[in-house]
Amino acid sequence: MITRKLSSRLRHKRFKQIALRLINRKGFKAMTMRDLAQEMGCDVSNIYNYTSSKSALLEDLLLGISEALHRGLDDIMSAQIDSIAKISALLRLHIQITVERPYEVALVINEWRHLQPSSKEEYISLRALFEKKVEILVRAGVDEGAFRDVDVRIIAGAILGTVRWIYNTYTQEGNTMNALDLHSELSRFVIEGLLVRNLPKSQSIDVY
């Protein structure tokens, strides 16, 4: 029984990995269930053992990456660290997920528009909630006196805009950028733009 469950989970994991690679290569709109079946080495009818439809597949994949982002951000928000460290941790979260799950991040950037109307509405609500949480982090820094009195909505949007840049940079052919160096440079750039006073160059902001 345990062996069968493990085997089933592995098959579903392989199916999602193949689906993500195909979507990344062909685009969600162009990918077909027949393409998936060919890659899986099975009949098209067997694909429906893994998902009820192409639309449901996209919804499941996007929900998975959205939940991972929310879990990571919730952990940061509840951590007993200051606002500077929380913004630094938020940038690390984006970098880590981009490095570990680039094809899913690509869905967030490029493919969410293909969701069915009801699922798209739910996804947009989740995205708006994530943005609101980031605004709360920035506002906390302002209230603590660590950050300048800024428009938190604009700053939160700018921080989240780094996700697309990180993805585009990290997936470029021949990219040799180190994730630790990327986090260090981005953290200093973003946080020093927010601080009431600049940090000494010798002081690290990588404290989470």
C-alpha atoms as a PDB file:
ATOM      1  CA  MET A   1       0.000   0.000   0.000  1.00  0.00           C
ATOM      2  CA  ILE A   2       2.758   2.455   0.990  1.00  0.00           C
ATOM      3  CA  THR A   3       4.755   1.455  -2.089  1.00  0.00           C
ATOM      4  CA  ARG A   4       1.759   2.114  -4.365  1.00  0.00           C
ATOM      5  CA  LYS A   5       1.188   5.560  -2.817  1.00  0.00           C
ATOM      6  CA  LEU A   6       4.852   6.450  -3.213  1.00  0.00           C
ATOM      7  CA  SER A   7       4.840   5.262  -6.815  1.00  0.00           C
ATOM      8  CA  SER A   8       1.727   7.348  -7.521  1.00  0.00           C
ATOM      9  CA  ARG A   9       3.292  10.474  -6.019  1.00  0.00           C
ATOM     10  CA  LEU A  10       6.434   9.970  -8.097  1.00  0.00           C
ATOM     11  CA  ARG A  11       4.383   9.576 -11.279  1.00  0.00           C
ATOM     12  CA  HIS A  12       2.442  12.748 -10.531  1.00  0.00           C
ATOM     13  CA  LYS A  13       5.676  14.589  -9.776  1.00  0.00           C
ATOM     14  CA  ARG A  14       7.150  13.443 -13.102  1.00  0.00           C
ATOM     15  CA  PHE A  15       3.966  14.511 -14.887  1.00  0.00           C
ATOM     16  CA  LYS A  16       4.185  18.036 -13.422  1.00  0.00           C
ATOM     17  CA  GLN A  17       7.873  18.313 -14.292  1.00  0.00           C
ATOM     18  CA  ILE A  18       7.195  17.296 -17.895  1.00  0.00           C
ATOM     19  CA  ALA A  19       4.219  19.665 -18.124  1.00  0.00           C
ATOM     20  CA  LEU A  20       6.296  22.569 -16.812  1.00  0.00           C
ATOM     21  CA  ARG A  21       9.097  21.899 -19.303  1.00  0.00           C
ATOM     22  CA  LEU A  22       6.613  21.718 -22.178  1.00  0.00           C
ATOM     23  CA  ILE A  23       4.848  24.916 -21.162  1.00  0.00           C
ATOM     24  CA  ASN A  24       8.193  26.658 -20.869  1.00  0.00           C
ATOM     25  CA  ARG A  25       9.265  25.429 -24.310  1.00  0.00           C
ATOM     26  CA  LYS A  26       6.022  25.843 -26.256  1.00  0.00           C
ATOM     27  CA  GLY A  27       3.896  28.190 -24.169  1.00  0.00           C
ATOM     28  CA  PHE A  28       0.737  27.090 -22.382  1.00  0.00           C
ATOM     29  CA  LYS A  29      -1.589  28.041 -25.227  1.00  0.00           C
ATOM     30  CA  ALA A  30       0.360  26.016 -27.803  1.00  0.00           C
ATOM     31  CA  MET A  31       0.905  22.961 -25.619  1.00  0.00           C
ATOM     32  CA  THR A  32      -1.599  20.147 -26.133  1.00  0.00           C
ATOM     33  CA  MET A  33      -2.594  17.112 -24.126  1.00  0.00           C
ATOM     34  CA  ARG A  34      -1.224  15.038 -26.994  1.00  0.00           C
ATOM     35  CA  ASP A  35       2.163  16.701 -26.477  1.00  0.00           C
ATOM     36  CA  LEU A  36       2.017  15.712 -22.825  1.00  0.00           C
ATOM     37  CA  ALA A  37       1.095  12.142 -23.684  1.00  0.00           C
ATOM     38  CA  GLN A  38       4.000  11.846 -26.117  1.00  0.00           C
ATOM     39  CA  GLU A  39       6.444  13.140 -23.526  1.00  0.00           C
ATOM     40  CA  MET A  40       5.001  10.819 -20.886  1.00  0.00           C
ATOM     41  CA  GLY A  41       5.091   7.873 -23.274  1.00  0.00           C
ATOM     42  CA  CYS A  42       1.407   7.043 -22.841  1.00  0.00           C
ATOM     43  CA  ASP A  43      -1.967   7.374 -24.566  1.00  0.00           C
ATOM     44  CA  VAL A  44      -3.770  10.727 -24.399  1.00  0.00           C
ATOM     45  CA  SER A  45      -6.551   9.110 -22.371  1.00  0.00           C
ATOM     46  CA  ASN A  46      -4.052   8.241 -19.635  1.00  0.00           C
ATOM     47  CA  ILE A  47      -3.152  11.915 -19.158  1.00  0.00           C
ATOM     48  CA  TYR A  48      -6.536  12.399 -17.507  1.00  0.00           C
ATOM     49  CA  ASN A  49      -5.349  10.196 -14.650  1.00  0.00           C
ATOM     50  CA  TYR A  50      -3.139  13.154 -13.704  1.00  0.00           C
ATOM     51  CA  THR A  51      -5.386  16.125 -14.433  1.00  0.00           C
ATOM     52  CA  SER A  52      -8.986  16.656 -15.426  1.00  0.00           C
ATOM     53  CA  SER A  53      -8.159  19.217 -18.116  1.00  0.00           C
ATOM     54  CA  LYS A  54      -5.476  21.483 -19.504  1.00  0.00           C
ATOM     55  CA  SER A  55      -7.036  24.423 -17.644  1.00  0.00           C
ATOM     56  CA  ALA A  56      -7.067  22.480 -14.378  1.00  0.00           C
ATOM     57  CA  LEU A  57      -3.376  21.691 -14.863  1.00  0.00           C
ATOM     58  CA  LEU A  58      -2.479  25.373 -15.143  1.00  0.00           C
ATOM     59  CA  GLU A  59      -4.631  26.190 -12.122  1.00  0.00           C
ATOM     60  CA  ASP A  60      -2.949  23.473 -10.051  1.00  0.00           C
ATOM     61  CA  LEU A  61       0.561  24.589 -11.036  1.00  0.00           C
ATOM     62  CA  LEU A  62      -0.117  28.258 -10.351  1.00  0.00           C
ATOM     63  CA  LEU A  63      -1.813  27.517  -7.048  1.00  0.00           C
ATOM     64  CA  GLY A  64       1.221  25.486  -5.969  1.00  0.00           C
ATOM     65  CA  ILE A  65       3.741  28.281  -6.597  1.00  0.00           C
ATOM     66  CA  SER A  66       1.388  30.881  -5.128  1.00  0.00           C
ATOM     67  CA  GLU A  67       1.030  28.860  -1.928  1.00  0.00           C
ATOM     68  CA  ALA A  68       4.820  28.494  -1.673  1.00  0.00           C
ATOM     69  CA  LEU A  69       5.281  32.249  -1.975  1.00  0.00           C
ATOM     70  CA  HIS A  70       2.597  32.980   0.595  1.00  0.00           C
ATOM     71  CA  ARG A  71       4.006  30.430   3.058  1.00  0.00           C
ATOM     72  CA  GLY A  72       7.455  31.920   2.712  1.00  0.00           C
ATOM     73  CA  LEU A  73       6.198  35.466   3.164  1.00  0.00           C
ATOM     74  CA  ASP A  74       4.040  34.513   6.155  1.00  0.00           C
ATOM     75  CA  ASP A  75       7.094  32.965   7.826  1.00  0.00           C
ATOM     76  CA  ILE A  76       9.020  36.192   7.229  1.00  0.00           C
ATOM     77  CA  MET A  77       6.210  38.355   8.592  1.00  0.00           C
ATOM     78  CA  SER A  78       5.959  36.322  11.810  1.00  0.00           C
ATOM     79  CA  ALA A  79       9.722  36.106  12.371  1.00  0.00           C
ATOM     80  CA  GLN A  80      11.161  38.002  15.350  1.00  0.00           C
ATOM     81  CA  ILE A  81      13.460  40.181  13.246  1.00  0.00           C
ATOM     82  CA  ASP A  82      13.449  43.850  12.280  1.00  0.00           C
ATOM     83  CA  SER A  83      12.034  45.348   9.090  1.00  0.00           C
ATOM     84  CA  ILE A  84      15.416  45.607   7.378  1.00  0.00           C
ATOM     85  CA  ALA A  85      15.978  41.884   7.823  1.00  0.00           C
ATOM     86  CA  LYS A  86      12.439  41.116   6.631  1.00  0.00           C
ATOM     87  CA  ILE A  87      12.912  42.973   3.350  1.00  0.00           C
ATOM     88  CA  SER A  88      16.229  41.188   2.912  1.00  0.00           C
ATOM     89  CA  ALA A  89      14.501  37.857   3.580  1.00  0.00           C
ATOM     90  CA  LEU A  90      11.762  38.693   1.075  1.00  0.00           C
ATOM     91  CA  LEU A  91      14.365  39.212  -1.639  1.00  0.00           C
ATOM     92  CA  ARG A  92      16.046  35.940  -0.660  1.00  0.00           C
ATOM     93  CA  LEU A  93      12.700  34.153  -0.899  1.00  0.00           C
ATOM     94  CA  HIS A  94      12.229  35.381  -4.466  1.00  0.00           C
ATOM     95  CA  ILE A  95      15.753  34.399  -5.456  1.00  0.00           C
ATOM     96  CA  GLN A  96      15.512  30.961  -3.845  1.00  0.00           C
ATOM     97  CA  ILE A  97      12.201  30.113  -5.496  1.00  0.00           C
ATOM     98  CA  THR A  98      13.406  31.408  -8.868  1.00  0.00           C
ATOM     99  CA  VAL A  99      16.531  29.273  -8.679  1.00  0.00           C
ATOM    100  CA  GLU A 100      14.718  26.149  -7.461  1.00  0.00           C
ATOM    101  CA  ARG A 101      11.459  26.470  -9.444  1.00  0.00           C
ATOM    102  CA  PRO A 102      12.144  28.624 -12.534  1.00  0.00           C
ATOM    103  CA  TYR A 103       9.458  27.078 -14.739  1.00  0.00           C
ATOM    104  CA  GLU A 104       6.788  27.756 -12.113  1.00  0.00           C
ATOM    105  CA  VAL A 105       7.963  31.332 -11.705  1.00  0.00           C
ATOM    106  CA  ALA A 106       7.604  31.631 -15.487  1.00  0.00           C
ATOM    107  CA  LEU A 107       3.922  30.735 -15.092  1.00  0.00           C
ATOM    108  CA  VAL A 108       3.491  33.567 -12.586  1.00  0.00           C
ATOM    109  CA  ILE A 109       5.068  36.020 -15.015  1.00  0.00           C
ATOM    110  CA  ASN A 110       3.803  34.817 -18.388  1.00  0.00           C
ATOM    111  CA  GLU A 111       0.975  32.281 -18.264  1.00  0.00           C
ATOM    112  CA  TRP A 112      -1.510  33.258 -15.525  1.00  0.00           C
ATOM    113  CA  ARG A 113      -3.565  35.170 -18.103  1.00  0.00           C
ATOM    114  CA  HIS A 114      -4.669  31.844 -19.583  1.00  0.00           C
ATOM    115  CA  LEU A 115      -6.532  30.807 -16.436  1.00  0.00           C
ATOM    116  CA  GLN A 116     -10.280  30.331 -16.702  1.00  0.00           C
ATOM    117  CA  PRO A 117     -12.248  33.423 -15.534  1.00  0.00           C
ATOM    118  CA  SER A 118     -13.183  32.100 -12.072  1.00  0.00           C
ATOM    119  CA  SER A 119      -9.668  30.782 -11.424  1.00  0.00           C
ATOM    120  CA  LYS A 120      -8.125  33.972 -12.767  1.00  0.00           C
ATOM    121  CA  GLU A 121     -10.200  36.023 -10.349  1.00  0.00           C
ATOM    122  CA  GLU A 122      -9.045  33.864  -7.431  1.00  0.00           C
ATOM    123  CA  TYR A 123      -5.424  34.064  -8.561  1.00  0.00           C
ATOM    124  CA  ILE A 124      -5.560  37.848  -8.903  1.00  0.00           C
ATOM    125  CA  SER A 125      -6.996  38.043  -5.371  1.00  0.00           C
ATOM    126  CA  LEU A 126      -4.097  35.935  -4.056  1.00  0.00           C
ATOM    127  CA  ARG A 127      -1.610  38.143  -5.889  1.00  0.00           C
ATOM    128  CA  ALA A 128      -3.226  41.283  -4.457  1.00  0.00           C
ATOM    129  CA  LEU A 129      -3.027  39.766  -0.963  1.00  0.00           C
ATOM    130  CA  PHE A 130       0.683  39.068  -1.454  1.00  0.00           C
ATOM    131  CA  GLU A 131       1.242  42.662  -2.543  1.00  0.00           C
ATOM    132  CA  LYS A 132      -0.663  43.899   0.504  1.00  0.00           C
ATOM    133  CA  LYS A 133       1.576  41.823   2.788  1.00  0.00           C
ATOM    134  CA  VAL A 134       4.664  43.375   1.231  1.00  0.00           C
ATOM    135  CA  GLU A 135       3.144  46.817   1.774  1.00  0.00           C
ATOM    136  CA  ILE A 136       2.690  45.900   5.442  1.00  0.00           C
ATOM    137  CA  LEU A 137       6.396  45.016   5.691  1.00  0.00           C
ATOM    138  CA  VAL A 138       7.402  48.359   4.195  1.00  0.00           C
ATOM    139  CA  ARG A 139       4.926  50.270   6.363  1.00  0.00           C
ATOM    140  CA  ALA A 140       6.311  48.575   9.478  1.00  0.00           C
ATOM    141  CA  GLY A 141       9.783  49.811   8.569  1.00  0.00           C
ATOM    142  CA  VAL A 142       8.471  53.353   8.157  1.00  0.00           C
ATOM    143  CA  ASP A 143       6.614  53.166  11.481  1.00  0.00           C
ATOM    144  CA  GLU A 144       9.752  51.875  13.222  1.00  0.00           C
ATOM    145  CA  GLY A 145      11.679  54.845  11.911  1.00  0.00           C
ATOM    146  CA  ALA A 146      14.074  52.623   9.965  1.00  0.00           C
ATOM    147  CA  PHE A 147      12.701  53.560   6.519  1.00  0.00           C
ATOM    148  CA  ARG A 148      11.992  56.957   5.036  1.00  0.00           C
ATOM    149  CA  ASP A 149       8.370  58.108   4.791  1.00  0.00           C
ATOM    150  CA  VAL A 150       7.637  56.598   1.382  1.00  0.00           C
ATOM    151  CA  ASP A 151       4.575  55.646  -0.643  1.00  0.00           C
ATOM    152  CA  VAL A 152       4.411  52.023   0.496  1.00  0.00           C
ATOM    153  CA  ARG A 153       2.367  50.908  -2.510  1.00  0.00           C
ATOM    154  CA  ILE A 154       4.943  52.211  -4.987  1.00  0.00           C
ATOM    155  CA  ILE A 155       7.850  50.726  -3.031  1.00  0.00           C
ATOM    156  CA  ALA A 156       6.120  47.350  -2.643  1.00  0.00           C
ATOM    157  CA  GLY A 157       5.483  47.307  -6.395  1.00  0.00           C
ATOM    158  CA  ALA A 158       9.119  48.137  -7.103  1.00  0.00           C
ATOM    159  CA  ILE A 159      10.317  45.347  -4.794  1.00  0.00           C
ATOM    160  CA  LEU A 160       7.992  42.841  -6.430  1.00  0.00           C
ATOM    161  CA  GLY A 161       9.156  44.016  -9.838  1.00  0.00           C
ATOM    162  CA  THR A 162      12.525  42.481  -9.018  1.00  0.00           C
ATOM    163  CA  VAL A 163      10.927  39.033  -9.410  1.00  0.00           C
ATOM    164  CA  ARG A 164      10.653  39.440 -13.176  1.00  0.00           C
ATOM    165  CA  TRP A 165      14.191  40.824 -13.361  1.00  0.00           C
ATOM    166  CA  ILE A 166      15.581  37.968 -11.234  1.00  0.00           C
ATOM    167  CA  TYR A 167      13.797  35.393 -13.411  1.00  0.00           C
ATOM    168  CA  ASN A 168      14.919  36.988 -16.684  1.00  0.00           C
ATOM    169  CA  THR A 169      18.501  37.289 -15.444  1.00  0.00           C
ATOM    170  CA  TYR A 170      18.762  33.819 -13.947  1.00  0.00           C
ATOM    171  CA  THR A 171      17.327  32.013 -16.947  1.00  0.00           C
ATOM    172  CA  GLN A 172      19.557  33.720 -19.507  1.00  0.00           C
ATOM    173  CA  GLU A 173      21.840  31.317 -21.327  1.00  0.00           C
ATOM    174  CA  GLY A 174      25.358  31.560 -19.999  1.00  0.00           C
ATOM    175  CA  ASN A 175      24.341  33.286 -16.782  1.00  0.00           C
ATOM    176  CA  THR A 176      27.051  32.844 -14.159  1.00  0.00           C
ATOM    177  CA  MET A 177      25.539  35.012 -11.451  1.00  0.00           C
ATOM    178  CA  ASN A 178      25.816  33.536  -7.964  1.00  0.00           C
ATOM    179  CA  ALA A 179      22.599  33.497  -5.923  1.00  0.00           C
ATOM    180  CA  LEU A 180      24.366  34.702  -2.775  1.00  0.00           C
ATOM    181  CA  ASP A 181      25.995  37.603  -4.613  1.00  0.00           C
ATOM    182  CA  LEU A 182      22.681  38.473  -6.256  1.00  0.00           C
ATOM    183  CA  HIS A 183      20.937  38.577  -2.894  1.00  0.00           C
ATOM    184  CA  SER A 184      23.672  40.687  -1.336  1.00  0.00           C
ATOM    185  CA  GLU A 185      23.668  43.253  -4.141  1.00  0.00           C
ATOM    186  CA  LEU A 186      19.883  43.492  -4.429  1.00  0.00           C
ATOM    187  CA  SER A 187      19.390  43.733  -0.676  1.00  0.00           C
ATOM    188  CA  ARG A 188      21.844  46.574  -0.328  1.00  0.00           C
ATOM    189  CA  PHE A 189      20.413  48.394  -3.348  1.00  0.00           C
ATOM    190  CA  VAL A 190      16.759  48.086  -2.255  1.00  0.00           C
ATOM    191  CA  ILE A 191      17.230  48.603   1.468  1.00  0.00           C
ATOM    192  CA  GLU A 192      19.652  51.525   1.234  1.00  0.00           C
ATOM    193  CA  GLY A 193      17.053  53.252  -0.929  1.00  0.00           C
ATOM    194  CA  LEU A 194      14.591  52.940   1.942  1.00  0.00           C
ATOM    195  CA  LEU A 195      16.779  53.703   4.945  1.00  0.00           C
ATOM    196  CA  VAL A 196      16.636  56.952   6.848  1.00  0.00           C
ATOM    197  CA  ARG A 197      20.441  56.779   6.879  1.00  0.00           C
ATOM    198  CA  ASN A 198      22.773  54.611   4.812  1.00  0.00           C
ATOM    199  CA  LEU A 199      24.424  51.554   6.282  1.00  0.00           C
ATOM    200  CA  PRO A 200      28.217  51.503   6.554  1.00  0.00           C
ATOM    201  CA  LYS A 201      29.641  49.395   3.724  1.00  0.00           C
ATOM    202  CA  SER A 202      31.126  47.046   6.281  1.00  0.00           C
ATOM    203  CA  GLN A 203      27.724  46.313   7.858  1.00  0.00           C
ATOM    204  CA  SER A 204      25.883  43.288   6.543  1.00  0.00           C
ATOM    205  CA  ILE A 205      22.126  43.350   6.001  1.00  0.00           C
ATOM    206  CA  ASP A 206      21.953  39.615   5.400  1.00  0.00           C
ATOM    207  CA  VAL A 207      20.743  38.749   8.885  1.00  0.00           C
ATOM    208  CA  TYR A 208      17.833  36.362   8.290  1.00  0.00           C
END
